[in-house]
C-alpha atoms as a PDB file:
ATOM      1  CA  UNK A   1     -13.868   6.827   8.744  1.00  0.00           C
ATOM      2  CA  UNK A   2     -11.458   8.114  11.406  1.00  0.00           C
ATOM      3  CA  UNK A   3     -11.883   4.919  13.455  1.00  0.00           C
ATOM      4  CA  UNK A   4     -11.237   2.786  10.370  1.00  0.00           C
ATOM      5  CA  UNK A   5      -8.127   4.825   9.584  1.00  0.00           C
ATOM      6  CA  UNK A   6      -6.839   4.310  13.128  1.00  0.00           C
ATOM      7  CA  UNK A   7      -7.469   0.548  12.963  1.00  0.00           C
ATOM      8  CA  UNK A   8      -5.674   0.194   9.632  1.00  0.00           C
ATOM      9  CA  UNK A   9      -2.909   2.462  10.874  1.00  0.00           C
ATOM     10  CA  UNK A  10      -2.461   0.308  13.973  1.00  0.00           C
ATOM     11  CA  UNK A  11      -2.056  -2.819  11.836  1.00  0.00           C
ATOM     12  CA  UNK A  12       0.456  -1.085   9.612  1.00  0.00           C
ATOM     13  CA  UNK A  13       2.310   0.433  12.546  1.00  0.00           C
ATOM     14  CA  UNK A  14       2.625  -2.999  14.143  1.00  0.00           C
ATOM     15  CA  UNK A  15       3.962  -4.406  10.882  1.00  0.00           C
ATOM     16  CA  UNK A  16       6.329  -1.528  10.152  1.00  0.00           C
ATOM     17  CA  UNK A  17       7.752  -1.363  13.645  1.00  0.00           C
ATOM     18  CA  UNK A  18      10.403  -4.010  13.079  1.00  0.00           C
ATOM     19  CA  UNK A  19      11.498  -3.131   9.560  1.00  0.00           C
ATOM     20  CA  UNK A  20      15.134  -2.304   8.950  1.00  0.00           C
ATOM     21  CA  UNK A  21      14.340   0.123   6.165  1.00  0.00           C
ATOM     22  CA  UNK A  22      13.287   2.716   8.754  1.00  0.00           C
ATOM     23  CA  UNK A  23      16.000   1.908  11.245  1.00  0.00           C
ATOM     24  CA  UNK A  24      13.742   0.317  13.863  1.00  0.00           C
ATOM     25  CA  UNK A  25      14.832  -2.958  15.440  1.00  0.00           C
ATOM     26  CA  UNK A  26      11.622  -4.718  16.390  1.00  0.00           C
ATOM     27  CA  UNK A  27      11.469  -7.520  18.941  1.00  0.00           C
ATOM     28  CA  UNK A  28      10.224 -10.150  16.489  1.00  0.00           C
ATOM     29  CA  UNK A  29       8.323 -13.294  17.397  1.00  0.00           C
ATOM     30  CA  UNK A  30       9.555 -16.848  17.381  1.00  0.00           C
ATOM     31  CA  UNK A  31       6.117 -18.458  17.259  1.00  0.00           C
ATOM     32  CA  UNK A  32       4.312 -19.503  14.149  1.00  0.00           C
ATOM     33  CA  UNK A  33       1.586 -17.258  12.820  1.00  0.00           C
ATOM     34  CA  UNK A  34      -1.979 -18.499  12.975  1.00  0.00           C
ATOM     35  CA  UNK A  35      -3.809 -19.281   9.784  1.00  0.00           C
ATOM     36  CA  UNK A  36      -4.900 -16.094   8.054  1.00  0.00           C
ATOM     37  CA  UNK A  37      -7.085 -15.298   5.038  1.00  0.00           C
ATOM     38  CA  UNK A  38      -3.879 -14.838   3.074  1.00  0.00           C
ATOM     39  CA  UNK A  39      -3.234 -18.589   3.261  1.00  0.00           C
ATOM     40  CA  UNK A  40      -6.058 -19.241   0.808  1.00  0.00           C
ATOM     41  CA  UNK A  41      -5.374 -16.145  -1.272  1.00  0.00           C
ATOM     42  CA  UNK A  42      -3.460 -15.317  -4.420  1.00  0.00           C
ATOM     43  CA  UNK A  43      -0.193 -15.621  -2.547  1.00  0.00           C
ATOM     44  CA  UNK A  44      -0.729 -19.324  -1.981  1.00  0.00           C
ATOM     45  CA  UNK A  45      -0.785 -20.102  -5.687  1.00  0.00           C
ATOM     46  CA  UNK A  46       2.764 -21.232  -6.425  1.00  0.00           C
ATOM     47  CA  UNK A  47       2.516 -20.955 -10.211  1.00  0.00           C
ATOM     48  CA  UNK A  48       1.987 -17.312 -11.183  1.00  0.00           C
ATOM     49  CA  UNK A  49       0.277 -18.441 -14.397  1.00  0.00           C
ATOM     50  CA  UNK A  50      -2.556 -19.835 -12.246  1.00  0.00           C
ATOM     51  CA  UNK A  51      -3.281 -16.484 -10.589  1.00  0.00           C
ATOM     52  CA  UNK A  52      -6.689 -15.273 -11.722  1.00  0.00           C
ATOM     53  CA  UNK A  53      -7.544 -11.598 -12.203  1.00  0.00           C
ATOM     54  CA  UNK A  54      -9.008 -10.108  -9.046  1.00  0.00           C
ATOM     55  CA  UNK A  55     -10.782  -6.874  -8.165  1.00  0.00           C
ATOM     56  CA  UNK A  56      -9.201  -3.788  -6.677  1.00  0.00           C
ATOM     57  CA  UNK A  57     -10.916  -4.428  -3.350  1.00  0.00           C
ATOM     58  CA  UNK A  58      -9.479  -7.953  -3.277  1.00  0.00           C
ATOM     59  CA  UNK A  59      -5.981  -6.560  -3.872  1.00  0.00           C
ATOM     60  CA  UNK A  60      -6.380  -4.150  -0.953  1.00  0.00           C
ATOM     61  CA  UNK A  61      -7.620  -6.957   1.297  1.00  0.00           C
ATOM     62  CA  UNK A  62      -4.680  -9.094   0.209  1.00  0.00           C
ATOM     63  CA  UNK A  63      -2.245  -6.306   1.047  1.00  0.00           C
ATOM     64  CA  UNK A  64      -3.624  -6.026   4.574  1.00  0.00           C
ATOM     65  CA  UNK A  65      -3.719  -9.812   5.021  1.00  0.00           C
ATOM     66  CA  UNK A  66      -0.036 -10.086   4.164  1.00  0.00           C
ATOM     67  CA  UNK A  67       0.950  -7.238   6.467  1.00  0.00           C
ATOM     68  CA  UNK A  68      -1.006  -8.823   9.305  1.00  0.00           C
ATOM     69  CA  UNK A  69       0.669 -12.154   8.599  1.00  0.00           C
ATOM     70  CA  UNK A  70       4.103 -10.513   8.634  1.00  0.00           C
ATOM     71  CA  UNK A  71       3.338  -8.690  11.884  1.00  0.00           C
ATOM     72  CA  UNK A  72       2.233 -11.945  13.537  1.00  0.00           C
ATOM     73  CA  UNK A  73       5.387 -13.735  12.480  1.00  0.00           C
ATOM     74  CA  UNK A  74       7.678 -10.807  13.278  1.00  0.00           C
ATOM     75  CA  UNK A  75       9.697 -11.555  10.142  1.00  0.00           C
ATOM     76  CA  UNK A  76       9.717  -8.787   7.504  1.00  0.00           C
ATOM     77  CA  UNK A  77      11.581 -11.044   5.066  1.00  0.00           C
ATOM     78  CA  UNK A  78       8.418 -13.092   4.493  1.00  0.00           C
ATOM     79  CA  UNK A  79       6.860 -10.060   2.810  1.00  0.00           C
ATOM     80  CA  UNK A  80       9.184  -9.991  -0.232  1.00  0.00           C
ATOM     81  CA  UNK A  81       7.606 -12.949  -2.071  1.00  0.00           C
ATOM     82  CA  UNK A  82       4.179 -11.617  -1.101  1.00  0.00           C
ATOM     83  CA  UNK A  83       4.967  -8.280  -2.763  1.00  0.00           C
ATOM     84  CA  UNK A  84       6.017 -10.066  -5.944  1.00  0.00           C
ATOM     85  CA  UNK A  85       2.812 -12.088  -5.988  1.00  0.00           C
ATOM     86  CA  UNK A  86       0.664  -9.011  -5.396  1.00  0.00           C
ATOM     87  CA  UNK A  87       2.420  -7.240  -8.275  1.00  0.00           C
ATOM     88  CA  UNK A  88       1.708 -10.200 -10.566  1.00  0.00           C
ATOM     89  CA  UNK A  89      -1.937 -10.181  -9.456  1.00  0.00           C
ATOM     90  CA  UNK A  90      -2.199  -6.426 -10.065  1.00  0.00           C
ATOM     91  CA  UNK A  91      -0.733  -6.727 -13.569  1.00  0.00           C
ATOM     92  CA  UNK A  92      -3.170  -9.515 -14.429  1.00  0.00           C
ATOM     93  CA  UNK A  93      -6.063  -7.451 -13.061  1.00  0.00           C
ATOM     94  CA  UNK A  94      -4.967  -4.505 -15.207  1.00  0.00           C
ATOM     95  CA  UNK A  95      -4.760  -6.711 -18.303  1.00  0.00           C
ATOM     96  CA  UNK A  96      -8.224  -8.138 -17.546  1.00  0.00           C
ATOM     97  CA  UNK A  97      -9.505  -4.592 -16.901  1.00  0.00           C
ATOM     98  CA  UNK A  98     -10.819  -5.477 -13.448  1.00  0.00           C
ATOM     99  CA  UNK A  99      -8.817  -2.444 -12.275  1.00  0.00           C
ATOM    100  CA  UNK A 100      -8.128   0.748 -14.180  1.00  0.00           C
ATOM    101  CA  UNK A 101      -4.737   2.431 -14.841  1.00  0.00           C
ATOM    102  CA  UNK A 102      -5.242   4.917 -12.004  1.00  0.00           C
ATOM    103  CA  UNK A 103      -5.754   2.195  -9.397  1.00  0.00           C
ATOM    104  CA  UNK A 104      -2.877   0.132 -10.813  1.00  0.00           C
ATOM    105  CA  UNK A 105      -0.400   3.003 -10.598  1.00  0.00           C
ATOM    106  CA  UNK A 106      -1.386   3.928  -7.048  1.00  0.00           C
ATOM    107  CA  UNK A 107      -1.364   0.305  -5.872  1.00  0.00           C
ATOM    108  CA  UNK A 108       2.022  -0.180  -7.539  1.00  0.00           C
ATOM    109  CA  UNK A 109       3.346   2.860  -5.677  1.00  0.00           C
ATOM    110  CA  UNK A 110       2.039   1.459  -2.413  1.00  0.00           C
ATOM    111  CA  UNK A 111       3.886  -1.819  -3.010  1.00  0.00           C
ATOM    112  CA  UNK A 112       7.058   0.091  -3.909  1.00  0.00           C
ATOM    113  CA  UNK A 113       6.861   2.140  -0.703  1.00  0.00           C
ATOM    114  CA  UNK A 114       6.336  -1.037   1.320  1.00  0.00           C
ATOM    115  CA  UNK A 115       9.331  -2.705  -0.341  1.00  0.00           C
ATOM    116  CA  UNK A 116      11.581   0.276   0.384  1.00  0.00           C
ATOM    117  CA  UNK A 117      10.497   0.286   4.015  1.00  0.00           C
ATOM    118  CA  UNK A 118      11.152  -3.434   4.333  1.00  0.00           C
ATOM    119  CA  UNK A 119      14.511  -3.394   2.539  1.00  0.00           C
ATOM    120  CA  UNK A 120      17.514  -3.537   4.906  1.00  0.00           C
ATOM    121  CA  UNK A 121      20.020  -0.814   4.047  1.00  0.00           C
ATOM    122  CA  UNK A 122      22.861  -1.335   6.487  1.00  0.00           C
ATOM    123  CA  UNK A 123      25.367   0.308   4.117  1.00  0.00           C
ATOM    124  CA  UNK A 124      23.259   3.433   3.688  1.00  0.00           C
ATOM    125  CA  UNK A 125      23.573   3.271  -0.113  1.00  0.00           C
ATOM    126  CA  UNK A 126      19.808   3.439  -0.618  1.00  0.00           C
ATOM    127  CA  UNK A 127      19.311   6.062   2.092  1.00  0.00           C
ATOM    128  CA  UNK A 128      18.770   9.079  -0.205  1.00  0.00           C
ATOM    129  CA  UNK A 129      16.420   7.114  -2.480  1.00  0.00           C
ATOM    130  CA  UNK A 130      14.392   5.776   0.447  1.00  0.00           C
ATOM    131  CA  UNK A 131      14.117   9.229   2.028  1.00  0.00           C
ATOM    132  CA  UNK A 132      13.069  10.819  -1.288  1.00  0.00           C
ATOM    133  CA  UNK A 133      10.395   8.271  -2.189  1.00  0.00           C
ATOM    134  CA  UNK A 134       8.978   7.865   1.317  1.00  0.00           C
ATOM    135  CA  UNK A 135       9.159  11.595   1.960  1.00  0.00           C
ATOM    136  CA  UNK A 136       7.194  12.344  -1.211  1.00  0.00           C
ATOM    137  CA  UNK A 137       4.616   9.678  -0.318  1.00  0.00           C
ATOM    138  CA  UNK A 138       4.132  11.023   3.205  1.00  0.00           C
ATOM    139  CA  UNK A 139       3.849  14.562   1.853  1.00  0.00           C
ATOM    140  CA  UNK A 140       1.272  13.548  -0.763  1.00  0.00           C
ATOM    141  CA  UNK A 141      -0.909  11.601   1.669  1.00  0.00           C
ATOM    142  CA  UNK A 142      -0.519  13.504   4.953  1.00  0.00           C
ATOM    143  CA  UNK A 143       0.735  16.926   3.908  1.00  0.00           C
ATOM    144  CA  UNK A 144       3.704  16.443   6.266  1.00  0.00           C
ATOM    145  CA  UNK A 145       6.969  17.855   4.935  1.00  0.00           C
ATOM    146  CA  UNK A 146       9.264  16.946   7.839  1.00  0.00           C
ATOM    147  CA  UNK A 147      10.155  13.379   6.843  1.00  0.00           C
ATOM    148  CA  UNK A 148      13.627  14.232   5.539  1.00  0.00           C
ATOM    149  CA  UNK A 149      14.320  16.452   8.533  1.00  0.00           C
ATOM    150  CA  UNK A 150      13.780  13.346  10.672  1.00  0.00           C
ATOM    151  CA  UNK A 151      16.372  11.549   8.567  1.00  0.00           C
ATOM    152  CA  UNK A 152      13.767   9.075   7.341  1.00  0.00           C
ATOM    153  CA  UNK A 153      14.222   7.007  10.496  1.00  0.00           C
ATOM    154  CA  UNK A 154      12.880   6.608  13.998  1.00  0.00           C
ATOM    155  CA  UNK A 155       9.435   6.166  15.553  1.00  0.00           C
ATOM    156  CA  UNK A 156       8.026   9.366  14.068  1.00  0.00           C
ATOM    157  CA  UNK A 157       9.027   8.312  10.551  1.00  0.00           C
ATOM    158  CA  UNK A 158       7.515   4.856  11.097  1.00  0.00           C
ATOM    159  CA  UNK A 159       4.256   6.390  12.267  1.00  0.00           C
ATOM    160  CA  UNK A 160       4.094   8.757   9.290  1.00  0.00           C
ATOM    161  CA  UNK A 161       4.641   5.982   6.752  1.00  0.00           C
ATOM    162  CA  UNK A 162       2.085   3.733   8.485  1.00  0.00           C
ATOM    163  CA  UNK A 163      -0.516   6.498   8.503  1.00  0.00           C
ATOM    164  CA  UNK A 164       0.254   7.410   4.877  1.00  0.00           C
ATOM    165  CA  UNK A 165      -0.231   3.788   3.783  1.00  0.00           C
ATOM    166  CA  UNK A 166      -3.435   3.531   5.807  1.00  0.00           C
ATOM    167  CA  UNK A 167      -4.721   6.724   4.217  1.00  0.00           C
ATOM    168  CA  UNK A 168      -3.913   5.460   0.722  1.00  0.00           C
ATOM    169  CA  UNK A 169      -5.655   2.126   1.324  1.00  0.00           C
ATOM    170  CA  UNK A 170      -8.821   3.915   2.408  1.00  0.00           C
ATOM    171  CA  UNK A 171      -8.580   6.465  -0.422  1.00  0.00           C
ATOM    172  CA  UNK A 172      -8.226   3.660  -2.962  1.00  0.00           C
ATOM    173  CA  UNK A 173     -11.272   1.860  -1.557  1.00  0.00           C
ATOM    174  CA  UNK A 174     -13.278   5.100  -1.749  1.00  0.00           C
ATOM    175  CA  UNK A 175     -12.023   5.542  -5.309  1.00  0.00           C
ATOM    176  CA  UNK A 176     -13.342   2.083  -6.209  1.00  0.00           C
ATOM    177  CA  UNK A 177     -16.652   2.639  -4.424  1.00  0.00           C
ATOM    178  CA  UNK A 178     -17.323   5.935  -6.230  1.00  0.00           C
ATOM    179  CA  UNK A 179     -16.208   5.037  -9.766  1.00  0.00           C
ATOM    180  CA  UNK A 180     -19.789   5.110 -11.056  1.00  0.00           C
ATOM    181  CA  UNK A 181     -20.423   8.515  -9.522  1.00  0.00           C
ATOM    182  CA  UNK A 182     -17.130   9.870 -10.872  1.00  0.00           C
ATOM    183  CA  UNK A 183     -17.967   8.746 -14.398  1.00  0.00           C
ATOM    184  CA  UNK A 184     -21.409  10.342 -14.194  1.00  0.00           C
ATOM    185  CA  UNK A 185     -19.897  13.577 -12.877  1.00  0.00           C
ATOM    186  CA  UNK A 186     -17.256  13.572 -15.616  1.00  0.00           C
ATOM    187  CA  UNK A 187     -19.972  13.217 -18.235  1.00  0.00           C
ATOM    188  CA  UNK A 188     -21.898  16.089 -16.661  1.00  0.00           C
ATOM    189  CA  UNK A 189     -18.817  18.309 -16.714  1.00  0.00           C
ATOM    190  CA  UNK A 190     -18.082  17.417 -20.348  1.00  0.00           C
ATOM    191  CA  UNK A 191     -21.650  18.258 -21.339  1.00  0.00           C
ATOM    192  CA  UNK A 192     -21.478  21.554 -19.482  1.00  0.00           C
ATOM    193  CA  UNK A 193     -18.173  22.484 -21.080  1.00  0.00           C
ATOM    194  CA  UNK A 194     -19.481  21.671 -24.567  1.00  0.00           C
ATOM    195  CA  UNK A 195     -22.608  23.806 -24.105  1.00  0.00           C
ATOM    196  CA  UNK A 196     -22.233  27.352 -25.445  1.00  0.00           C
ATOM    197  CA  UNK A 197     -22.527  29.982 -22.714  1.00  0.00           C
ATOM    198  CA  UNK A 198     -25.854  31.795 -22.447  1.00  0.00           C
ATOM    199  CA  UNK A 199     -25.870  35.375 -23.671  1.00  0.00           C
END
């Protein structure tokens, strides 16, 4: 699990490194990205009405595919339409009940965090909002409370957000993998709570 977290974190760190939302000016790349799984994914369907409901695991894979694509291209602006398409896909999955409300809310939050990180804020108008939302996310996922003290910028802030996103991706996959067990445990707890105590 630790190795997987580090691998995902490395992908995210590479992607986040050049995003203006955290005040890091990445080198960028002028070359074209190689074909990725994302090219045959939901994001390639131009008409949102044609997007079919997908599973939670597919949404997580899609998220990583798009980040990898963005990192290869060195252009954070390509992520904006991808975020919109992933949100459409998530809403359709929720409506089709291929994901539950818990997964939808957490995935939605992950997209919102990513958008804030990728949003240029040269005027500083969004600074307090970005620091609040990202700081809360980092605190929830990593237990680190120093995000605001760092001013929400710099390499340390980038690393924290990347690790927090990586942690959430893995936690969401574990959540999906253990849904059956959770439901069985919930039923067991309900039965125990409804049983009168022995005298």
